[in-house]
N, C-alpha and C. Protein backbone atom coordinates (compact mmCIF):
# COMPACT_ATOMS: atom_id res chain seq x y z
N UNK A 1 -59.15 2.45 -55.70
CA UNK A 1 -59.89 1.46 -54.93
C UNK A 1 -58.97 0.29 -54.57
N UNK A 2 -59.21 -0.32 -53.48
CA UNK A 2 -58.38 -1.40 -52.96
C UNK A 2 -58.98 -2.75 -53.34
N UNK A 3 -59.08 -3.02 -54.64
CA UNK A 3 -59.75 -4.23 -55.12
C UNK A 3 -59.04 -5.51 -54.69
N UNK A 4 -57.72 -5.53 -54.82
CA UNK A 4 -56.96 -6.73 -54.45
C UNK A 4 -57.10 -7.04 -52.97
N UNK A 5 -57.01 -6.00 -52.16
CA UNK A 5 -57.11 -6.18 -50.71
C UNK A 5 -58.50 -6.69 -50.32
N UNK A 6 -59.52 -6.13 -50.95
CA UNK A 6 -60.89 -6.57 -50.68
C UNK A 6 -61.08 -8.02 -51.09
N UNK A 7 -60.52 -8.40 -52.24
CA UNK A 7 -60.61 -9.79 -52.70
C UNK A 7 -59.94 -10.73 -51.71
N UNK A 8 -58.78 -10.35 -51.20
CA UNK A 8 -58.09 -11.19 -50.21
C UNK A 8 -58.93 -11.38 -48.95
N UNK A 9 -59.53 -10.29 -48.48
CA UNK A 9 -60.36 -10.38 -47.27
C UNK A 9 -61.62 -11.21 -47.53
N UNK A 10 -62.23 -11.04 -48.70
CA UNK A 10 -63.40 -11.85 -49.04
C UNK A 10 -63.03 -13.33 -49.11
N UNK A 11 -61.84 -13.62 -49.63
CA UNK A 11 -61.35 -14.99 -49.71
C UNK A 11 -61.21 -15.57 -48.30
N UNK A 12 -60.72 -14.77 -47.36
CA UNK A 12 -60.57 -15.24 -45.98
C UNK A 12 -61.93 -15.50 -45.34
N UNK A 13 -62.92 -14.70 -45.68
CA UNK A 13 -64.28 -14.93 -45.16
C UNK A 13 -64.79 -16.27 -45.68
N UNK A 14 -64.57 -16.55 -46.96
CA UNK A 14 -65.01 -17.82 -47.55
C UNK A 14 -64.30 -19.01 -46.91
N UNK A 15 -63.04 -18.83 -46.54
CA UNK A 15 -62.28 -19.93 -45.92
C UNK A 15 -62.86 -20.34 -44.57
N UNK A 16 -63.63 -19.46 -43.95
CA UNK A 16 -64.26 -19.79 -42.67
C UNK A 16 -65.22 -20.97 -42.80
N UNK A 17 -65.74 -21.19 -44.01
CA UNK A 17 -66.72 -22.26 -44.23
C UNK A 17 -66.11 -23.55 -44.77
N UNK A 18 -64.77 -23.62 -44.84
CA UNK A 18 -64.13 -24.83 -45.34
C UNK A 18 -64.41 -26.01 -44.41
N UNK A 19 -64.49 -27.20 -45.00
CA UNK A 19 -64.81 -28.40 -44.24
C UNK A 19 -63.79 -28.68 -43.13
N UNK A 20 -62.50 -28.56 -43.46
CA UNK A 20 -61.43 -28.83 -42.49
C UNK A 20 -60.80 -27.52 -42.06
N UNK A 21 -61.61 -26.65 -41.48
CA UNK A 21 -61.17 -25.32 -41.07
C UNK A 21 -60.21 -25.41 -39.89
N UNK A 22 -59.11 -24.67 -39.96
CA UNK A 22 -58.11 -24.62 -38.90
C UNK A 22 -58.01 -23.16 -38.45
N UNK A 23 -58.56 -22.85 -37.29
CA UNK A 23 -58.62 -21.47 -36.81
C UNK A 23 -57.24 -20.84 -36.67
N UNK A 24 -56.28 -21.55 -36.11
CA UNK A 24 -54.96 -20.96 -35.88
C UNK A 24 -54.26 -20.60 -37.19
N UNK A 25 -54.30 -21.50 -38.15
CA UNK A 25 -53.67 -21.21 -39.45
C UNK A 25 -54.40 -20.05 -40.13
N UNK A 26 -55.73 -20.06 -40.05
CA UNK A 26 -56.52 -18.98 -40.64
C UNK A 26 -56.17 -17.64 -40.01
N UNK A 27 -56.04 -17.63 -38.68
CA UNK A 27 -55.69 -16.39 -37.97
C UNK A 27 -54.34 -15.86 -38.42
N UNK A 28 -53.34 -16.73 -38.50
CA UNK A 28 -52.00 -16.29 -38.88
C UNK A 28 -52.01 -15.66 -40.26
N UNK A 29 -52.65 -16.29 -41.20
CA UNK A 29 -52.72 -15.76 -42.57
C UNK A 29 -53.47 -14.43 -42.59
N UNK A 30 -54.59 -14.37 -41.87
CA UNK A 30 -55.40 -13.16 -41.82
C UNK A 30 -54.63 -12.02 -41.16
N UNK A 31 -53.89 -12.30 -40.12
CA UNK A 31 -53.11 -11.27 -39.44
C UNK A 31 -52.06 -10.67 -40.37
N UNK A 32 -51.44 -11.50 -41.19
CA UNK A 32 -50.45 -11.00 -42.14
C UNK A 32 -51.13 -10.06 -43.14
N UNK A 33 -52.29 -10.46 -43.64
CA UNK A 33 -53.01 -9.62 -44.61
C UNK A 33 -53.41 -8.29 -43.97
N UNK A 34 -54.02 -8.36 -42.79
CA UNK A 34 -54.48 -7.13 -42.14
C UNK A 34 -53.33 -6.20 -41.80
N UNK A 35 -52.20 -6.76 -41.34
CA UNK A 35 -51.04 -5.93 -41.01
C UNK A 35 -50.52 -5.23 -42.25
N UNK A 36 -50.52 -5.92 -43.35
CA UNK A 36 -50.04 -5.33 -44.61
C UNK A 36 -50.96 -4.20 -45.08
N UNK A 37 -52.26 -4.39 -44.91
CA UNK A 37 -53.22 -3.40 -45.39
C UNK A 37 -53.33 -2.21 -44.43
N UNK A 38 -53.50 -2.50 -43.14
CA UNK A 38 -53.83 -1.46 -42.17
C UNK A 38 -52.69 -1.09 -41.22
N UNK A 39 -51.60 -1.85 -41.25
CA UNK A 39 -50.52 -1.61 -40.31
C UNK A 39 -50.64 -2.56 -39.12
N UNK A 40 -49.51 -2.86 -38.51
CA UNK A 40 -49.48 -3.89 -37.47
C UNK A 40 -50.15 -3.49 -36.16
N UNK A 41 -50.47 -2.21 -36.00
CA UNK A 41 -51.09 -1.76 -34.75
C UNK A 41 -52.61 -1.57 -34.87
N UNK A 42 -53.20 -1.99 -35.97
CA UNK A 42 -54.63 -1.78 -36.20
C UNK A 42 -55.48 -2.59 -35.22
N UNK A 43 -56.59 -2.03 -34.82
CA UNK A 43 -57.49 -2.66 -33.86
C UNK A 43 -58.04 -4.00 -34.38
N UNK A 44 -58.27 -4.11 -35.67
CA UNK A 44 -58.81 -5.36 -36.23
C UNK A 44 -57.85 -6.52 -36.00
N UNK A 45 -56.56 -6.23 -36.00
CA UNK A 45 -55.56 -7.27 -35.74
C UNK A 45 -55.70 -7.77 -34.31
N UNK A 46 -55.87 -6.86 -33.38
CA UNK A 46 -56.04 -7.25 -31.98
C UNK A 46 -57.29 -8.10 -31.80
N UNK A 47 -58.36 -7.75 -32.52
CA UNK A 47 -59.60 -8.52 -32.42
C UNK A 47 -59.43 -9.93 -32.98
N UNK A 48 -58.74 -10.06 -34.10
CA UNK A 48 -58.51 -11.38 -34.69
C UNK A 48 -57.62 -12.22 -33.76
N UNK A 49 -56.60 -11.60 -33.16
CA UNK A 49 -55.72 -12.34 -32.25
C UNK A 49 -56.48 -12.94 -31.08
N UNK A 50 -57.54 -12.29 -30.65
CA UNK A 50 -58.32 -12.76 -29.49
C UNK A 50 -59.27 -13.90 -29.83
N UNK A 51 -59.51 -14.16 -31.11
CA UNK A 51 -60.44 -15.22 -31.50
C UNK A 51 -59.92 -16.58 -31.08
N UNK A 52 -60.80 -17.38 -30.52
CA UNK A 52 -60.46 -18.77 -30.20
C UNK A 52 -61.74 -19.54 -29.96
N UNK A 53 -61.62 -20.84 -30.08
CA UNK A 53 -62.74 -21.72 -29.78
C UNK A 53 -62.66 -22.03 -28.29
N UNK A 54 -63.48 -21.34 -27.49
CA UNK A 54 -63.40 -21.49 -26.04
C UNK A 54 -64.34 -22.58 -25.54
N UNK A 55 -63.87 -23.28 -24.54
CA UNK A 55 -64.69 -24.28 -23.88
C UNK A 55 -64.63 -24.10 -22.36
N UNK A 56 -64.49 -22.84 -21.93
CA UNK A 56 -64.42 -22.56 -20.50
C UNK A 56 -65.82 -22.52 -19.91
N UNK A 57 -65.92 -22.52 -18.59
CA UNK A 57 -67.24 -22.46 -17.95
C UNK A 57 -67.96 -21.15 -18.29
N UNK A 58 -67.19 -20.06 -18.45
CA UNK A 58 -67.82 -18.79 -18.81
C UNK A 58 -68.41 -18.85 -20.21
N UNK A 59 -67.68 -19.46 -21.14
CA UNK A 59 -68.20 -19.54 -22.51
C UNK A 59 -69.41 -20.48 -22.56
N UNK A 60 -69.39 -21.52 -21.72
CA UNK A 60 -70.55 -22.41 -21.66
C UNK A 60 -71.77 -21.67 -21.14
N UNK A 61 -71.57 -20.81 -20.14
CA UNK A 61 -72.66 -20.05 -19.56
C UNK A 61 -73.20 -19.02 -20.55
N UNK A 62 -72.27 -18.38 -21.29
CA UNK A 62 -72.66 -17.29 -22.17
C UNK A 62 -73.14 -17.74 -23.54
N UNK A 63 -72.84 -18.96 -23.93
CA UNK A 63 -73.17 -19.41 -25.28
C UNK A 63 -74.67 -19.55 -25.45
N UNK A 64 -75.16 -19.11 -26.59
CA UNK A 64 -76.58 -19.31 -26.87
C UNK A 64 -76.76 -20.76 -27.28
N UNK A 65 -77.93 -21.27 -27.11
CA UNK A 65 -78.19 -22.65 -27.48
C UNK A 65 -78.34 -22.82 -28.98
N UNK A 66 -78.34 -21.74 -29.73
CA UNK A 66 -78.59 -21.81 -31.16
C UNK A 66 -77.35 -22.00 -32.01
N UNK A 67 -76.17 -21.75 -31.47
CA UNK A 67 -74.98 -21.89 -32.30
C UNK A 67 -73.83 -22.45 -31.47
N UNK A 68 -72.96 -23.15 -32.14
CA UNK A 68 -71.82 -23.73 -31.45
C UNK A 68 -70.79 -22.64 -31.19
N UNK A 69 -69.81 -22.96 -30.34
CA UNK A 69 -68.72 -22.02 -30.06
C UNK A 69 -67.99 -21.68 -31.35
N UNK A 70 -67.76 -22.72 -32.16
CA UNK A 70 -67.04 -22.52 -33.42
C UNK A 70 -67.80 -21.56 -34.34
N UNK A 71 -69.10 -21.77 -34.45
CA UNK A 71 -69.90 -20.91 -35.34
C UNK A 71 -69.92 -19.47 -34.83
N UNK A 72 -69.99 -19.29 -33.52
CA UNK A 72 -69.96 -17.94 -32.96
C UNK A 72 -68.64 -17.25 -33.25
N UNK A 73 -67.55 -17.98 -33.12
CA UNK A 73 -66.22 -17.43 -33.40
C UNK A 73 -66.08 -17.11 -34.89
N UNK A 74 -66.55 -18.01 -35.73
CA UNK A 74 -66.49 -17.78 -37.18
C UNK A 74 -67.34 -16.57 -37.57
N UNK A 75 -68.48 -16.42 -36.95
CA UNK A 75 -69.36 -15.28 -37.24
C UNK A 75 -68.66 -13.97 -36.86
N UNK A 76 -68.04 -13.96 -35.69
CA UNK A 76 -67.30 -12.77 -35.25
C UNK A 76 -66.13 -12.47 -36.19
N UNK A 77 -65.41 -13.50 -36.59
CA UNK A 77 -64.29 -13.32 -37.53
C UNK A 77 -64.79 -12.73 -38.84
N UNK A 78 -65.92 -13.23 -39.32
CA UNK A 78 -66.50 -12.72 -40.57
C UNK A 78 -66.89 -11.25 -40.42
N UNK A 79 -67.46 -10.89 -39.30
CA UNK A 79 -67.87 -9.49 -39.06
C UNK A 79 -66.66 -8.55 -39.01
N UNK A 80 -65.58 -9.01 -38.39
CA UNK A 80 -64.36 -8.18 -38.32
C UNK A 80 -63.83 -7.93 -39.73
N UNK A 81 -63.77 -8.99 -40.53
CA UNK A 81 -63.27 -8.83 -41.90
C UNK A 81 -64.22 -8.01 -42.76
N UNK A 82 -65.53 -8.17 -42.52
CA UNK A 82 -66.49 -7.36 -43.28
C UNK A 82 -66.33 -5.89 -42.93
N UNK A 83 -66.04 -5.59 -41.66
CA UNK A 83 -65.79 -4.19 -41.26
C UNK A 83 -64.55 -3.66 -41.99
N UNK A 84 -63.54 -4.49 -42.14
CA UNK A 84 -62.33 -4.08 -42.85
C UNK A 84 -62.65 -3.80 -44.33
N UNK A 85 -63.46 -4.66 -44.92
CA UNK A 85 -63.87 -4.47 -46.32
C UNK A 85 -64.66 -3.17 -46.47
N UNK A 86 -65.62 -2.96 -45.56
CA UNK A 86 -66.43 -1.73 -45.59
C UNK A 86 -65.54 -0.49 -45.47
N UNK A 87 -64.56 -0.57 -44.60
CA UNK A 87 -63.63 0.55 -44.41
C UNK A 87 -62.84 0.84 -45.69
N UNK A 88 -62.38 -0.21 -46.33
CA UNK A 88 -61.64 -0.04 -47.58
C UNK A 88 -62.53 0.52 -48.69
N UNK A 89 -63.78 0.06 -48.74
CA UNK A 89 -64.70 0.55 -49.77
C UNK A 89 -65.06 2.01 -49.55
N UNK A 90 -65.22 2.42 -48.30
CA UNK A 90 -65.61 3.80 -48.00
C UNK A 90 -64.44 4.78 -48.06
N UNK A 91 -63.31 4.36 -47.52
CA UNK A 91 -62.19 5.30 -47.35
C UNK A 91 -60.97 4.98 -48.20
N UNK A 92 -60.94 3.81 -48.83
CA UNK A 92 -59.77 3.40 -49.60
C UNK A 92 -58.66 2.92 -48.69
N UNK A 93 -57.51 2.70 -49.29
CA UNK A 93 -56.35 2.23 -48.53
C UNK A 93 -55.88 3.30 -47.55
N UNK A 94 -55.54 2.91 -46.33
CA UNK A 94 -55.03 3.90 -45.38
C UNK A 94 -53.66 4.40 -45.81
N UNK A 95 -53.40 5.66 -45.54
CA UNK A 95 -52.08 6.22 -45.83
C UNK A 95 -51.12 5.75 -44.76
N UNK A 96 -49.93 5.42 -45.18
CA UNK A 96 -48.90 4.99 -44.23
C UNK A 96 -48.34 6.24 -43.56
N UNK A 97 -48.57 6.34 -42.26
CA UNK A 97 -48.08 7.51 -41.53
C UNK A 97 -46.58 7.46 -41.30
N UNK A 98 -46.09 6.25 -41.11
CA UNK A 98 -44.64 6.08 -40.93
C UNK A 98 -44.21 4.87 -41.73
N UNK A 99 -43.02 4.92 -42.24
CA UNK A 99 -42.51 3.80 -43.05
C UNK A 99 -42.29 2.60 -42.15
N UNK A 100 -43.04 1.53 -42.39
CA UNK A 100 -42.88 0.34 -41.56
C UNK A 100 -41.60 -0.38 -41.95
N UNK A 101 -41.03 -1.04 -41.00
CA UNK A 101 -39.80 -1.80 -41.22
C UNK A 101 -40.08 -2.94 -42.19
N UNK A 102 -39.48 -2.86 -43.39
CA UNK A 102 -39.72 -3.85 -44.44
C UNK A 102 -39.27 -5.25 -44.03
N UNK A 103 -38.16 -5.33 -43.32
CA UNK A 103 -37.69 -6.65 -42.92
C UNK A 103 -38.64 -7.27 -41.91
N UNK A 104 -39.22 -6.46 -41.03
CA UNK A 104 -40.20 -6.97 -40.06
C UNK A 104 -41.44 -7.49 -40.76
N UNK A 105 -41.90 -6.77 -41.78
CA UNK A 105 -43.06 -7.22 -42.54
C UNK A 105 -42.74 -8.49 -43.30
N UNK A 106 -41.53 -8.56 -43.86
CA UNK A 106 -41.13 -9.76 -44.59
C UNK A 106 -41.11 -10.97 -43.66
N UNK A 107 -40.60 -10.78 -42.46
CA UNK A 107 -40.57 -11.88 -41.49
C UNK A 107 -41.98 -12.32 -41.15
N UNK A 108 -42.89 -11.36 -40.95
CA UNK A 108 -44.29 -11.70 -40.68
C UNK A 108 -44.88 -12.50 -41.83
N UNK A 109 -44.59 -12.07 -43.05
CA UNK A 109 -45.12 -12.77 -44.21
C UNK A 109 -44.50 -14.16 -44.35
N UNK A 110 -43.21 -14.28 -44.07
CA UNK A 110 -42.55 -15.59 -44.11
C UNK A 110 -43.21 -16.52 -43.09
N UNK A 111 -43.43 -16.01 -41.89
CA UNK A 111 -44.09 -16.83 -40.87
C UNK A 111 -45.50 -17.20 -41.30
N UNK A 112 -46.18 -16.26 -41.93
CA UNK A 112 -47.52 -16.55 -42.43
C UNK A 112 -47.51 -17.68 -43.44
N UNK A 113 -46.54 -17.65 -44.35
CA UNK A 113 -46.41 -18.71 -45.35
C UNK A 113 -46.20 -20.05 -44.66
N UNK A 114 -45.27 -20.08 -43.70
CA UNK A 114 -44.97 -21.33 -43.00
C UNK A 114 -46.16 -21.81 -42.18
N UNK A 115 -46.72 -20.92 -41.37
CA UNK A 115 -47.80 -21.32 -40.47
C UNK A 115 -49.05 -21.72 -41.24
N UNK A 116 -49.26 -21.14 -42.41
CA UNK A 116 -50.42 -21.50 -43.22
C UNK A 116 -50.32 -22.92 -43.73
N UNK A 117 -49.10 -23.42 -43.90
CA UNK A 117 -48.89 -24.79 -44.38
C UNK A 117 -48.92 -25.82 -43.25
N UNK A 118 -48.81 -25.35 -42.01
CA UNK A 118 -48.78 -26.26 -40.88
C UNK A 118 -50.19 -26.56 -40.40
N UNK A 119 -50.38 -27.72 -39.83
CA UNK A 119 -51.65 -28.08 -39.20
C UNK A 119 -51.76 -27.33 -37.88
N UNK A 120 -52.97 -27.17 -37.39
CA UNK A 120 -53.18 -26.47 -36.12
C UNK A 120 -52.42 -27.11 -34.98
N UNK A 121 -52.38 -28.44 -34.95
CA UNK A 121 -51.65 -29.12 -33.88
C UNK A 121 -50.16 -28.85 -33.98
N UNK A 122 -49.64 -28.71 -35.21
CA UNK A 122 -48.23 -28.41 -35.39
C UNK A 122 -47.91 -26.99 -34.94
N UNK A 123 -48.82 -26.06 -35.21
CA UNK A 123 -48.63 -24.67 -34.76
C UNK A 123 -48.61 -24.63 -33.23
N UNK A 124 -49.52 -25.36 -32.60
CA UNK A 124 -49.55 -25.41 -31.13
C UNK A 124 -48.27 -26.03 -30.58
N UNK A 125 -47.80 -27.08 -31.23
CA UNK A 125 -46.56 -27.74 -30.80
C UNK A 125 -45.37 -26.77 -30.95
N UNK A 126 -45.32 -26.03 -32.05
CA UNK A 126 -44.26 -25.05 -32.27
C UNK A 126 -44.28 -23.99 -31.18
N UNK A 127 -45.47 -23.50 -30.87
CA UNK A 127 -45.62 -22.49 -29.82
C UNK A 127 -45.14 -23.04 -28.48
N UNK A 128 -45.47 -24.29 -28.21
CA UNK A 128 -45.05 -24.93 -26.96
C UNK A 128 -43.52 -25.06 -26.90
N UNK A 129 -42.92 -25.45 -28.01
CA UNK A 129 -41.45 -25.59 -28.06
C UNK A 129 -40.79 -24.24 -27.80
N UNK A 130 -41.26 -23.21 -28.51
CA UNK A 130 -40.65 -21.89 -28.39
C UNK A 130 -40.87 -21.28 -27.01
N UNK A 131 -41.95 -21.67 -26.33
CA UNK A 131 -42.25 -21.12 -25.00
C UNK A 131 -41.56 -21.89 -23.88
N UNK A 132 -41.00 -23.05 -24.20
CA UNK A 132 -40.41 -23.89 -23.16
C UNK A 132 -39.12 -23.26 -22.62
N UNK A 133 -38.66 -23.80 -21.50
CA UNK A 133 -37.44 -23.31 -20.86
C UNK A 133 -36.20 -24.10 -21.29
N UNK A 134 -36.39 -24.92 -22.31
CA UNK A 134 -35.27 -25.73 -22.79
C UNK A 134 -34.21 -24.84 -23.44
N UNK A 135 -33.00 -25.38 -23.53
CA UNK A 135 -31.92 -24.59 -24.14
C UNK A 135 -32.14 -24.48 -25.65
N UNK A 136 -31.39 -23.58 -26.26
CA UNK A 136 -31.54 -23.27 -27.68
C UNK A 136 -31.33 -24.50 -28.56
N UNK A 137 -30.34 -25.32 -28.24
CA UNK A 137 -30.04 -26.50 -29.04
C UNK A 137 -31.19 -27.51 -29.01
N UNK A 138 -31.78 -27.70 -27.83
CA UNK A 138 -32.90 -28.64 -27.71
C UNK A 138 -34.13 -28.13 -28.47
N UNK A 139 -34.39 -26.82 -28.38
CA UNK A 139 -35.49 -26.23 -29.13
C UNK A 139 -35.26 -26.42 -30.63
N UNK A 140 -34.03 -26.19 -31.06
CA UNK A 140 -33.67 -26.34 -32.47
C UNK A 140 -33.93 -27.78 -32.94
N UNK A 141 -33.51 -28.73 -32.13
CA UNK A 141 -33.70 -30.14 -32.47
C UNK A 141 -35.19 -30.47 -32.61
N UNK A 142 -36.00 -30.01 -31.65
CA UNK A 142 -37.43 -30.29 -31.67
C UNK A 142 -38.14 -29.62 -32.85
N UNK A 143 -37.70 -28.42 -33.19
CA UNK A 143 -38.30 -27.73 -34.34
C UNK A 143 -37.97 -28.47 -35.63
N UNK A 144 -36.74 -28.95 -35.76
CA UNK A 144 -36.36 -29.73 -36.95
C UNK A 144 -37.22 -30.99 -37.03
N UNK A 145 -37.44 -31.63 -35.90
CA UNK A 145 -38.27 -32.83 -35.86
C UNK A 145 -39.71 -32.50 -36.27
N UNK A 146 -40.21 -31.38 -35.78
CA UNK A 146 -41.57 -30.94 -36.13
C UNK A 146 -41.68 -30.67 -37.64
N UNK A 147 -40.70 -29.98 -38.19
CA UNK A 147 -40.71 -29.65 -39.62
C UNK A 147 -40.61 -30.90 -40.48
N UNK A 148 -39.92 -31.93 -40.00
CA UNK A 148 -39.81 -33.17 -40.78
C UNK A 148 -41.18 -33.82 -40.93
N UNK A 149 -42.10 -33.51 -40.02
CA UNK A 149 -43.46 -34.05 -40.11
C UNK A 149 -44.32 -33.37 -41.15
N UNK A 150 -43.89 -32.24 -41.67
CA UNK A 150 -44.65 -31.53 -42.69
C UNK A 150 -44.55 -32.26 -44.03
N UNK A 151 -43.41 -32.82 -44.30
CA UNK A 151 -43.19 -33.53 -45.56
C UNK A 151 -42.14 -32.83 -46.39
N UNK A 152 -41.31 -33.62 -47.04
CA UNK A 152 -40.16 -33.10 -47.77
C UNK A 152 -40.58 -32.13 -48.87
N UNK A 153 -41.53 -32.51 -49.71
CA UNK A 153 -41.91 -31.66 -50.83
C UNK A 153 -42.64 -30.41 -50.36
N UNK A 154 -43.43 -30.51 -49.30
CA UNK A 154 -44.11 -29.34 -48.76
C UNK A 154 -43.09 -28.33 -48.22
N UNK A 155 -42.04 -28.83 -47.57
CA UNK A 155 -40.99 -27.94 -47.06
C UNK A 155 -40.29 -27.24 -48.22
N UNK A 156 -40.02 -27.98 -49.30
CA UNK A 156 -39.41 -27.35 -50.48
C UNK A 156 -40.33 -26.27 -51.05
N UNK A 157 -41.63 -26.54 -51.07
CA UNK A 157 -42.59 -25.58 -51.58
C UNK A 157 -42.62 -24.32 -50.71
N UNK A 158 -42.59 -24.51 -49.40
CA UNK A 158 -42.58 -23.38 -48.47
C UNK A 158 -41.33 -22.53 -48.69
N UNK A 159 -40.16 -23.18 -48.76
CA UNK A 159 -38.91 -22.45 -48.97
C UNK A 159 -38.89 -21.72 -50.31
N UNK A 160 -39.40 -22.36 -51.35
CA UNK A 160 -39.44 -21.72 -52.66
C UNK A 160 -40.34 -20.49 -52.62
N UNK A 161 -41.47 -20.59 -51.95
CA UNK A 161 -42.39 -19.45 -51.82
C UNK A 161 -41.72 -18.32 -51.06
N UNK A 162 -41.00 -18.65 -50.00
CA UNK A 162 -40.30 -17.63 -49.22
C UNK A 162 -39.20 -16.95 -50.04
N UNK A 163 -38.45 -17.75 -50.80
CA UNK A 163 -37.36 -17.19 -51.61
C UNK A 163 -37.88 -16.32 -52.75
N UNK A 164 -39.12 -16.54 -53.17
CA UNK A 164 -39.72 -15.74 -54.24
C UNK A 164 -40.40 -14.48 -53.70
N UNK A 165 -40.46 -14.34 -52.37
CA UNK A 165 -41.06 -13.16 -51.77
C UNK A 165 -40.28 -11.93 -52.24
N UNK A 166 -40.98 -10.84 -52.59
CA UNK A 166 -40.29 -9.65 -53.12
C UNK A 166 -39.14 -9.13 -52.24
N UNK A 167 -39.30 -9.14 -50.94
CA UNK A 167 -38.23 -8.67 -50.06
C UNK A 167 -37.03 -9.61 -50.10
N UNK A 168 -37.29 -10.92 -50.17
CA UNK A 168 -36.19 -11.88 -50.26
C UNK A 168 -35.46 -11.71 -51.58
N UNK A 169 -36.21 -11.55 -52.66
CA UNK A 169 -35.60 -11.36 -53.97
C UNK A 169 -34.71 -10.12 -53.96
N UNK A 170 -35.24 -9.03 -53.38
CA UNK A 170 -34.48 -7.79 -53.31
C UNK A 170 -33.20 -7.97 -52.50
N UNK A 171 -33.30 -8.65 -51.37
CA UNK A 171 -32.13 -8.88 -50.52
C UNK A 171 -31.09 -9.74 -51.23
N UNK A 172 -31.54 -10.77 -51.91
CA UNK A 172 -30.63 -11.66 -52.60
C UNK A 172 -29.94 -10.93 -53.74
N UNK A 173 -30.69 -10.16 -54.52
CA UNK A 173 -30.12 -9.42 -55.64
C UNK A 173 -29.07 -8.41 -55.19
N UNK A 174 -29.31 -7.73 -54.06
CA UNK A 174 -28.38 -6.72 -53.60
C UNK A 174 -27.16 -7.31 -52.91
N UNK A 175 -27.26 -8.56 -52.42
CA UNK A 175 -26.12 -9.15 -51.72
C UNK A 175 -25.18 -9.88 -52.66
N UNK A 176 -25.61 -10.15 -53.88
CA UNK A 176 -24.74 -10.89 -54.82
C UNK A 176 -23.95 -9.97 -55.70
């Protein structure tokens, strides 16, 4: 049985009700978990990636008067994760059909660790920097400036968590 995986998904469902909920950070963390459990091409990942708090004219037209956009998005997110839990309970962990690239998974997990510690506005700013047409040096400078806003001790905590990741430990041990 996939008890640990189910606990992680249940934990993510509970996080939807946090007072200072940050959808982008929640999505990044959830995507890492789902990719690890089901593989990076799973349909549930695509559904989570599409979640957003919309304020377009179409969403205004389609929204019911009984719930806010945020609540509708949170409800959908909860249903997606509940479907994942049900799948794990009925069928167990999926068999890996092909060996996934461990370094790619480690990078996803490293990004998950970092993005989970960042505020939603910082994640948006990072995305904007990386999407800009500025040269590499200017992007590098802006990212350093953004990271300095996280706080010195938080950055140390993020780096320590990344260095303790099993793939990082394995890479460090084999390179020394």
